[in-house]
Structures are given as C-alpha cells and as structure tokens.
Protein backbone atom coordinates (compact mmCIF):
# COMPACT_ATOMS: atom_id res chain seq x y z
CA MET A 1 36.88 2.89 -2.24
CA ASN A 2 37.94 -0.14 -4.36
CA LEU A 3 36.97 -3.26 -2.63
CA LYS A 4 39.23 -5.61 -4.62
CA TYR A 5 42.16 -4.01 -2.80
CA TRP A 6 40.80 -5.33 0.65
CA PRO A 7 42.20 -8.72 2.26
CA ASN A 8 40.03 -11.37 0.96
CA LYS A 9 39.23 -13.00 4.16
CA TRP A 10 37.81 -9.81 5.54
CA CYS A 11 35.94 -9.14 2.19
CA TYR A 12 34.57 -12.56 2.35
CA ASN A 13 33.31 -12.19 6.06
CA SER A 14 31.79 -8.72 5.40
CA TYR A 15 30.12 -10.03 2.28
CA LEU A 16 28.46 -12.75 3.99
CA VAL A 17 26.97 -10.05 6.24
CA PHE A 18 26.23 -7.84 3.32
CA ILE A 19 24.63 -10.92 1.75
CA PHE A 20 22.67 -11.84 4.74
CA ASP A 21 21.03 -8.10 4.91
CA LEU A 22 20.34 -7.92 1.30
CA TYR A 23 18.54 -11.25 1.41
CA ALA A 24 16.40 -9.94 4.06
CA VAL A 25 15.61 -6.86 2.30
CA LEU A 26 14.83 -8.82 -0.99
CA HIS A 27 12.67 -11.38 1.16
CA THR A 28 10.52 -8.27 2.37
CA LEU A 29 10.42 -6.67 -1.13
CA LEU A 30 9.56 -10.00 -2.93
CA THR A 31 6.65 -10.67 -0.56
CA LEU A 32 5.40 -7.10 -0.79
CA PHE A 33 5.64 -7.38 -4.72
CA LEU A 34 3.72 -10.67 -4.94
CA ALA A 35 1.11 -9.07 -3.09
CA LEU A 36 0.96 -5.82 -4.95
CA SER A 37 0.68 -7.90 -8.22
CA ASP A 38 -2.46 -9.40 -7.32
CA SER A 39 -4.24 -6.28 -6.20
CA PHE A 40 -3.13 -2.63 -5.83
CA VAL A 41 -2.47 -1.69 -2.18
CA GLN A 42 -2.80 1.98 -1.30
CA ILE A 43 -0.08 3.13 1.11
CA PHE A 44 -0.84 5.82 3.74
CA SER A 45 1.90 7.58 5.63
CA PHE A 46 0.23 9.59 8.41
CA GLY A 47 3.55 9.62 10.48
CA MET A 48 1.61 7.84 13.49
CA GLY A 49 3.04 5.24 15.90
CA ILE A 50 1.00 2.34 16.87
CA ASN A 51 1.16 0.20 20.10
CA TYR A 52 1.75 -3.41 19.40
CA GLY A 53 0.33 -5.51 22.12
CA GLN A 54 0.62 -9.23 22.44
CA ILE A 55 -1.64 -10.49 25.16
CA ALA A 56 -3.34 -13.09 22.78
CA ASN A 57 -2.95 -16.28 21.78
CA ASN A 58 -3.84 -15.98 18.25
CA LEU A 59 -1.50 -13.39 16.71
CA PRO A 60 0.57 -13.51 13.63
CA SER A 61 4.23 -14.07 13.75
CA PRO A 62 6.41 -11.05 14.29
CA SER A 63 8.05 -11.52 10.75
CA ARG A 64 4.50 -11.14 9.13
CA VAL A 65 3.49 -8.31 11.32
CA ALA A 66 6.94 -6.69 10.12
CA ILE A 67 5.46 -6.96 6.50
CA LEU A 68 1.95 -5.76 7.50
CA LEU A 69 3.51 -2.40 9.19
CA GLY A 70 5.90 -2.02 6.13
CA SER A 71 2.89 -2.12 3.60
CA LEU A 72 1.23 0.49 5.93
CA ASN A 73 4.30 2.68 6.02
CA ILE A 74 4.06 2.81 9.75
CA SER A 75 7.62 3.43 11.07
CA ARG A 76 7.10 3.77 14.88
CA VAL A 77 6.15 1.16 17.24
CA LYS A 78 5.69 0.76 20.84
CA LEU A 79 6.30 -2.38 22.74
CA TYR A 80 5.25 -3.29 26.39
CA ASP A 81 8.34 -5.47 26.75
CA ALA A 82 11.85 -5.85 24.75
CA ASP A 83 10.64 -9.20 23.01
CA PRO A 84 13.67 -10.43 21.04
CA ASN A 85 11.61 -12.34 18.29
CA VAL A 86 9.75 -8.88 17.70
CA LEU A 87 13.22 -6.82 17.63
CA LEU A 88 14.79 -9.58 15.45
CA ALA A 89 11.71 -9.48 13.10
CA PHE A 90 12.23 -5.95 12.40
CA SER A 91 16.11 -5.93 11.50
CA ASN A 92 17.21 -3.87 8.97
CA SER A 93 13.91 -1.97 8.82
CA ASN A 94 13.30 1.66 9.14
CA VAL A 95 10.90 1.20 12.24
CA ASP A 96 11.73 3.11 15.32
CA PHE A 97 10.95 1.35 18.77
CA ILE A 98 10.31 2.22 22.21
CA VAL A 99 10.59 -0.97 24.36
CA GLY A 100 9.19 -1.26 27.61
CA LEU A 101 10.72 -2.40 31.02
CA GLY A 102 7.60 -3.54 33.05
CA ASN A 103 6.51 -2.44 36.65
CA GLU A 104 7.90 -5.72 38.01
CA TYR A 105 11.32 -4.62 37.23
CA LEU A 106 11.31 -1.29 38.88
CA GLN A 107 12.77 -2.50 42.09
CA SER A 108 15.66 -4.46 40.60
CA MET A 109 16.40 -1.57 38.13
CA THR A 110 17.62 0.79 41.12
CA ASP A 111 20.46 -1.76 41.29
CA PRO A 112 23.21 -0.45 38.65
CA ILE A 113 24.53 -4.13 38.23
CA LYS A 114 21.03 -5.56 37.35
CA ALA A 115 20.00 -2.49 35.31
CA GLN A 116 23.36 -3.19 33.33
CA ILE A 117 22.46 -6.79 32.81
CA TRP A 118 18.96 -6.08 31.59
CA ILE A 119 20.32 -3.51 28.76
CA GLU A 120 23.04 -5.86 27.97
CA GLN A 121 20.71 -8.89 27.48
CA HIS A 122 17.74 -6.92 25.99
CA LEU A 123 19.18 -4.16 24.10
CA LEU A 124 22.68 -4.49 22.81
CA PRO A 125 22.15 -7.47 20.97
CA HIS A 126 19.59 -5.66 18.59
CA LEU A 127 20.97 -1.99 18.41
CA THR A 128 23.25 -2.78 15.31
CA ARG A 129 20.25 -3.75 13.22
CA THR A 130 16.88 -2.57 15.02
CA LYS A 131 16.26 0.93 15.63
CA ILE A 132 15.60 1.57 19.38
CA ASN A 133 14.86 5.16 20.42
CA SER A 134 13.46 5.02 23.77
CA ILE A 135 13.12 2.64 27.00
CA LEU A 136 9.74 2.90 28.73
CA VAL A 137 10.55 2.33 32.37
CA GLY A 138 7.27 1.43 34.09
CA ASN A 139 3.78 2.13 32.58
CA GLU A 140 1.21 4.09 34.57
CA VAL A 141 2.94 3.32 37.84
CA PHE A 142 0.97 6.20 39.53
CA ASN A 143 -2.33 4.50 38.50
CA SER A 144 -1.69 1.98 41.06
CA ASN A 145 -2.18 1.72 44.89
CA ASP A 146 1.47 0.82 45.40
CA SER A 147 3.34 3.41 47.16
CA HIS A 148 6.71 1.38 46.76
CA LEU A 149 6.33 1.49 42.96
CA PHE A 150 6.07 5.23 43.22
CA SER A 151 9.46 5.50 45.34
CA TYR A 152 11.19 3.13 42.90
CA LEU A 153 10.22 4.76 39.53
CA LEU A 154 12.63 7.87 39.41
CA PRO A 155 15.54 5.77 40.84
CA ALA A 156 15.01 3.07 38.38
CA MET A 157 14.65 5.61 35.58
CA GLN A 158 18.03 7.29 36.71
CA THR A 159 19.81 4.19 37.07
CA VAL A 160 18.99 2.95 33.66
CA TYR A 161 19.93 6.30 32.29
CA ARG A 162 23.33 6.28 33.94
CA VAL A 163 23.98 2.61 32.42
CA LEU A 164 23.10 4.20 28.96
CA VAL A 165 25.54 7.04 29.77
CA ASN A 166 28.22 4.54 30.57
CA LEU A 167 27.74 2.61 27.54
CA GLU A 168 27.55 5.88 25.40
CA LEU A 169 24.02 5.20 24.25
CA ASP A 170 22.42 7.99 26.01
CA LYS A 171 22.15 10.16 22.97
CA GLN A 172 20.81 7.23 21.07
CA VAL A 173 18.26 5.79 23.35
CA ALA A 174 15.95 8.00 25.76
CA VAL A 175 14.63 6.99 28.77
CA THR A 176 11.00 7.87 29.95
CA THR A 177 7.85 6.43 31.41
CA ALA A 178 4.24 6.60 30.58
CA HIS A 179 1.39 8.06 32.65
CA SER A 180 -2.29 7.67 33.05
CA LEU A 181 -4.29 10.82 33.17
CA THR A 182 -5.19 9.96 36.63
CA ILE A 183 -2.35 11.80 37.67
CA LEU A 184 -3.96 15.15 37.07
CA GLY A 185 -6.15 16.60 40.01
CA ASN A 186 -7.65 19.07 37.73
CA SER A 187 -7.94 19.12 33.90
CA TYR A 188 -10.85 21.74 33.25
CA PRO A 189 -10.26 24.21 31.82
CA PRO A 190 -6.96 23.11 30.45
CA SER A 191 -5.23 26.24 31.59
CA ALA A 192 -6.13 25.32 35.10
CA GLY A 193 -4.63 21.88 34.86
CA THR A 194 -2.69 20.61 37.84
CA PHE A 195 -1.24 17.44 39.09
CA ARG A 196 -2.71 15.27 42.29
CA GLU A 197 -1.27 16.68 45.46
CA ASP A 198 -0.57 13.39 46.83
CA LEU A 199 1.74 12.99 43.81
CA ALA A 200 3.57 16.18 43.81
CA GLN A 201 6.40 14.81 45.79
CA TYR A 202 7.05 12.12 43.27
CA ILE A 203 6.33 14.20 40.08
CA GLN A 204 8.31 17.20 40.69
CA PRO A 205 11.76 15.59 40.78
CA LEU A 206 10.67 13.19 37.84
CA LEU A 207 9.88 16.65 35.94
CA LYS A 208 13.31 17.75 36.99
CA PHE A 209 14.91 14.56 35.55
CA HIS A 210 13.09 14.65 32.31
CA SER A 211 14.39 18.49 32.12
CA GLU A 212 18.00 17.56 32.74
CA ILE A 213 18.11 14.63 30.17
CA ASN A 214 15.69 16.17 27.62
CA SER A 215 13.13 13.37 27.26
CA PRO A 216 9.48 13.61 26.57
CA PHE A 217 6.93 13.26 29.07
CA LEU A 218 4.12 10.33 27.79
CA ILE A 219 0.70 10.10 28.69
CA ASN A 220 -1.85 7.48 28.20
CA ALA A 221 -5.10 9.76 27.10
CA TYR A 222 -8.33 8.34 26.38
CA PRO A 223 -11.32 10.58 25.81
CA TYR A 224 -13.50 7.42 25.23
CA PHE A 225 -13.29 7.11 29.13
CA ALA A 226 -14.72 10.47 29.67
CA TYR A 227 -17.72 9.69 27.33
CA LYS A 228 -18.22 6.16 28.98
CA ASP A 229 -18.58 7.49 32.34
CA ASN A 230 -20.83 10.61 31.36
CA PRO A 231 -22.46 9.85 28.29
CA ASP A 232 -25.29 12.22 28.86
CA GLN A 233 -22.90 15.03 29.51
CA VAL A 234 -20.04 14.75 27.16
CA SER A 235 -20.68 15.56 23.74
CA LEU A 236 -19.78 12.49 21.39
CA GLU A 237 -18.82 15.05 18.60
CA TYR A 238 -16.33 16.56 20.92
CA VAL A 239 -14.68 13.54 21.81
CA LEU A 240 -14.62 12.14 18.33
CA PHE A 241 -13.23 15.09 16.42
CA GLN A 242 -16.69 15.58 14.69
CA PRO A 243 -17.80 19.29 14.12
CA ASN A 244 -19.19 20.48 17.35
CA GLN A 245 -19.23 24.11 19.32
CA GLY A 246 -16.24 23.03 21.32
CA MET A 247 -15.08 25.01 24.37
CA ILE A 248 -13.33 28.05 25.15
CA ASP A 249 -10.83 28.10 27.81
CA PRO A 250 -11.97 31.37 29.86
CA ASN A 251 -8.55 31.98 31.22
CA THR A 252 -6.79 31.89 27.78
CA ASN A 253 -9.73 32.38 25.31
CA LEU A 254 -8.34 29.44 23.42
CA HIS A 255 -10.96 27.32 21.45
CA TYR A 256 -10.79 23.63 21.83
CA ASP A 257 -12.75 21.39 19.23
CA ASN A 258 -11.69 17.91 20.81
CA MET A 259 -10.91 16.42 24.23
CA LEU A 260 -7.69 14.82 23.37
CA TYR A 261 -6.09 18.29 22.71
CA ALA A 262 -7.70 19.51 25.78
CA GLN A 263 -6.19 16.92 27.84
CA ILE A 264 -2.70 17.48 26.33
CA ASP A 265 -2.87 21.16 27.38
CA ALA A 266 -4.10 20.34 30.85
CA VAL A 267 -0.75 18.33 31.23
CA TYR A 268 1.30 21.23 29.72
CA SER A 269 -0.58 23.54 32.35
CA ALA A 270 0.25 21.26 35.00
CA MET A 271 3.93 21.07 34.20
CA LYS A 272 4.05 24.78 34.09
CA ALA A 273 2.48 25.18 37.48
CA MET A 274 5.45 23.15 38.78
CA GLY A 275 7.83 25.40 36.93
CA HIS A 276 8.58 23.35 33.76
CA THR A 277 7.84 24.84 30.11
CA ASP A 278 10.92 22.83 28.80
CA ILE A 279 9.39 19.22 28.36
CA GLU A 280 7.20 18.05 25.23
CA VAL A 281 4.28 15.95 25.92
CA ARG A 282 3.59 13.00 23.75
CA VAL A 283 0.91 10.64 23.72
CA SER A 284 1.93 7.29 24.12
CA GLU A 285 -1.57 5.58 23.99
CA THR A 286 -4.79 6.76 22.78
CA GLY A 287 -7.66 4.78 20.83
CA TRP A 288 -11.40 3.71 20.87
CA PRO A 289 -12.87 0.21 21.49
CA SER A 290 -14.93 -1.25 18.63
CA LYS A 291 -17.00 -3.43 21.37
CA GLY A 292 -17.68 -3.24 24.96
CA ASP A 293 -20.15 -4.70 27.45
CA ALA A 294 -23.51 -3.40 27.91
CA ASN A 295 -22.58 -0.71 30.15
CA GLU A 296 -19.54 0.57 28.19
CA ALA A 297 -21.52 3.49 26.19
CA GLY A 298 -20.10 4.30 22.78
CA ALA A 299 -17.88 1.39 22.00
CA THR A 300 -18.96 0.69 18.46
CA PRO A 301 -17.14 -0.09 15.39
CA GLN A 302 -18.39 3.25 13.77
CA ASN A 303 -17.11 5.43 16.82
CA ALA A 304 -13.86 3.77 16.76
CA GLY A 305 -13.45 4.30 13.11
CA LEU A 306 -14.38 8.13 13.52
CA TYR A 307 -12.08 8.67 16.55
CA ASN A 308 -8.96 7.01 15.01
CA GLY A 309 -9.72 7.97 11.38
CA ASN A 310 -10.02 11.85 12.22
CA LEU A 311 -7.11 11.51 14.66
CA LEU A 312 -5.01 10.10 11.94
CA GLN A 313 -6.03 13.26 9.71
CA ARG A 314 -5.01 15.41 12.45
CA ILE A 315 -1.56 13.71 12.45
CA ALA A 316 -1.27 13.97 8.67
CA GLN A 317 -1.87 17.92 9.01
CA ARG A 318 0.80 18.06 11.63
CA GLN A 319 -1.69 19.84 13.94
CA GLY A 320 -0.42 21.32 17.36
CA THR A 321 -2.57 21.96 20.51
CA PRO A 322 -4.13 25.35 20.77
CA ALA A 323 -1.85 26.02 23.67
CA LYS A 324 1.20 24.56 21.25
CA PRO A 325 0.30 25.15 17.97
CA SER A 326 3.83 24.85 16.31
CA THR A 327 4.29 21.32 18.15
CA PRO A 328 2.63 18.76 16.10
CA ILE A 329 1.09 16.22 18.31
CA ASP A 330 2.92 12.88 18.63
CA VAL A 331 0.91 10.01 19.04
CA HIS A 332 0.89 6.17 19.34
CA VAL A 333 -2.42 4.87 18.70
CA PHE A 334 -3.60 1.77 20.60
CA ALA A 335 -3.47 -0.92 19.24
CA LEU A 336 -2.43 -2.72 16.33
CA PHE A 337 -4.57 -6.05 17.04
CA ASN A 338 -7.38 -6.98 19.31
CA GLU A 339 -5.72 -9.03 22.16
CA ASN A 340 -8.27 -11.83 23.21
CA LEU A 341 -6.31 -12.67 26.54
CA LYS A 342 -6.48 -9.05 28.04
CA PRO A 343 -8.37 -9.11 31.34
CA GLY A 344 -11.27 -6.59 32.29
CA PRO A 345 -14.22 -5.42 30.41
CA ALA A 346 -14.81 -6.48 26.84
CA SER A 347 -13.58 -3.31 25.69
CA GLU A 348 -10.06 -4.16 26.83
CA ARG A 349 -9.99 -6.90 24.04
CA ASN A 350 -11.36 -4.70 21.23
CA TYR A 351 -9.10 -1.73 20.68
CA GLY A 352 -7.25 -3.18 17.54
CA LEU A 353 -7.26 -1.67 14.28
CA TYR A 354 -7.03 -5.30 12.86
CA TYR A 355 -8.17 -8.85 13.81
CA PRO A 356 -5.43 -11.21 14.08
CA ASP A 357 -5.87 -12.49 10.88
CA GLY A 358 -5.01 -9.08 9.19
CA THR A 359 -8.63 -8.10 8.44
CA PRO A 360 -9.33 -4.60 9.44
CA VAL A 361 -11.93 -4.34 12.40
CA TYR A 362 -13.45 -1.10 10.60
CA ASN A 363 -12.41 0.95 7.58
CA ILE A 364 -10.30 4.06 8.23
CA GLY A 365 -8.42 3.83 4.79
CA LEU A 366 -5.52 1.80 5.97
CA GLN A 367 -4.98 -1.25 3.56
CA GLY A 368 -2.31 -3.17 4.52
CA TYR A 369 -0.76 -6.53 3.61
CA LEU A 370 -0.45 -9.53 6.01
CA PRO A 371 1.15 -12.61 4.39
CA GLU A 372 -0.32 -16.11 4.99
CA PHE A 373 2.98 -18.00 4.17
CA ILE A 374 5.75 -18.25 1.65
CA SER A 375 5.01 -20.71 -0.95
CA ALA A 376 7.25 -23.01 -2.81
CA SER A 377 7.52 -20.92 -5.74
CA ASP A 378 8.32 -17.91 -3.70
CA LYS A 379 11.23 -19.56 -2.06
CA ASN A 380 12.39 -20.76 -5.29
CA ALA A 381 12.35 -17.04 -6.52
CA LEU A 382 14.10 -16.00 -3.15
CA SER A 383 16.79 -18.81 -4.07
CA ILE A 384 17.48 -17.33 -7.16
CA PHE A 385 17.89 -13.77 -5.83
CA SER A 386 20.28 -15.29 -3.14
CA SER A 387 22.43 -16.92 -5.56
CA LEU A 388 22.79 -13.90 -7.86
CA VAL A 389 23.80 -11.69 -4.76
CA PHE A 390 26.32 -14.09 -3.55
CA LEU A 391 27.88 -14.51 -7.14
CA ILE A 392 28.04 -10.77 -7.48
CA ALA A 393 29.86 -10.62 -3.96
CA CYS A 394 32.33 -13.04 -4.94
CA PHE A 395 33.20 -11.51 -8.39
CA ILE A 396 33.95 -8.13 -6.29
CA CYS A 397 36.00 -9.84 -3.93
CA ALA A 398 37.96 -11.58 -6.69
C-alpha cells in the first residue's frame, strides 16, 4: 500500500504514533547495544516465567527492569497487582503479563459494575501496547481462615469473566486464581492426591468453571517447605532435582525423581477424583530461599542455586511430569528480586534471583544487564535516532 495517497493529516498523526513506538524500541536497543559493546552478555532462553514482586523500597525502576528482563530473554511475568508503571514500562515489548486482583478486591468484584470499572481503569488503558494474557483473581484464598473469602472467590471470577466477554476480551485475557498446596488433603503417593474435604464445596464448582472457560489451574508449589519442616526425613537431593533414588508410585508404577513433579501430579489426581481431566495445572510460583532464620533448614545460596538452576534445565528440555509426559511443565519462578519489606521469617525476603542492584544472588548462568542511568552521550545518540526517524516519516508522508 502506497502511503503517499493517504490523507496528510491522518498520515501525520499516524506517524507521530509510529515515531513514538520506534523511538521506544530504539531506546531499548541502544541501551542494550551500549551494554553489549563493553562486555559480552550471554542470553539464555528457558521459556520460564518470573514473579515480579515489589514489596520493597530499594527496587530499580520498572523501565530498568524491562531492560534487565529483555537481556535475559524472559518473556513471561506475573504481577501481584496491575501496576500501571510496570505495564507502561513494558509497552511494545514481547512480554506476556499475568496481572493480579488482590484478595481485598474479591467482595467488590462480585458486583458487575465495580468489576467493569476495575477492568476499564486497570486493563483497557494498556491492552493496545502491553500483552496481558491473564487476570489472577485472588491469591491463595483457601490458605486463609476467612470463609467469606472462600464464598466470594468463584462469583468474583465469574463476574470478571462476564465483563471480559461483554468487552470481547475473553479470548485474549484468561481468568484464573492461584492456590497454595494446602488445598490438598492427601498428596502421597501422587496418584492418590485429593483435595481437602472441607474445601470440596468450593473447589468442585471452581473446577467446573475452569473447564467451561478453558483456563488453567494455578498452584504455588514449594518443595522447600517440605524439606524445611522435615529435613531428617525428606531427601535434599529429591527436592533439589539432584541424582537420587526417587520414589515409585505403587498405584501407577511411575517413577518420580523430584518432589515438584510429584506435587503437580498429586493436583492432577485430585482434580481427576472430582471428575476433571480437562484442566491444565500450571505452577504460578516455585522457588528456594538463599537465606533464612536459624530454624529454616536448607535456606542457602548453594541450595537455591541448585533448585532454580536444575529447574531451568528441566524447563529448557520441555519436560512433562510422569503422569503428563506430553505436557511440558509451565512455571513462573519466584522471584525476580529480594524484597526487603516482606513480613515473616527471613526466607520471605530472600527468594530473589537478583539483588535490587542487578547483581545475581547466586550463579545459575543467567547474566543480565540492569542499566544504571542514561548518560548525556546516550541521550544525544537517541536524539539523533529520533530526528532521523522523524525525517523519514515526513518524507514518506510528503
């Protein structure tokens, strides 16, 4: 199509948008180029997702984080909210986001008007530039003692979904929630996995909803917790994906060489016991702390490096679990940064792959680049790029 036949005003306005978009791309490319010109950075692509938590007062700006994740070739990010600063910083990137709707919103999200207002304010302004593939309605709701939250969860998810349908966004944005493994009443052996009886009245209709809208069932799975609570009984090699004897499920004769896969298959079995084999289980959180309190066994940089490093190798191999060998595990690692304001034991503040200054907490082969600032010379180079793009656009529109 020859652009010179388009109306000049339309062409001018369109190319202003074009210039802005290209400027943003060139900004990122130039910054990366400047980093690469000083030292070679090996880029790894594991197909993994990352949890980007922000309970801290010393984290780098979202625009710098966008460059860090770009240098790591990480293209899937889970937020715990819908921070507009983050979503704006990742405009025109290839990063797919899961955004969170906190537990404090559940009751109000059962109201269609309030749900629509939330989506119009937090989702719609970003969808044209930032990829958002899921809304996480609530997080580990059944891990609380609030039975009111239990009853709000499914209606909130249904209401948010109906709003997306009305806006014709339901094929673009999925609706789901994430669960702690405390929802399981039994997890051993994996083939005997069941949900807790006291939660059956909530989980059964929830599974029906997942099946109807074809959305994944998300779990936050931490083999670390099992080891921390029973270090004398749980094999460290088994939880760290290290060579070990493993275990054989007596009902299926399937061999498990790590606990995470056993946990995933236990959830599949629990869903099957409720009549569902049509829902995919995905891991929305898993990780290992690099530091903990005196009573937190195993929380060391070495163990964290082994867990996450070995897990990334499994992801790269597109492995499935023993019960689902043809379905590669889908994982979001927890977390991108250590978060210094998180409450609880020391381990809670030390799950990050990186310190806030961009230094790796331990070495698992992920060498990324976190820019410090844009110097005056860099800004001059960007200005030249910008002028060239503008001149080209004007020439085309002439």
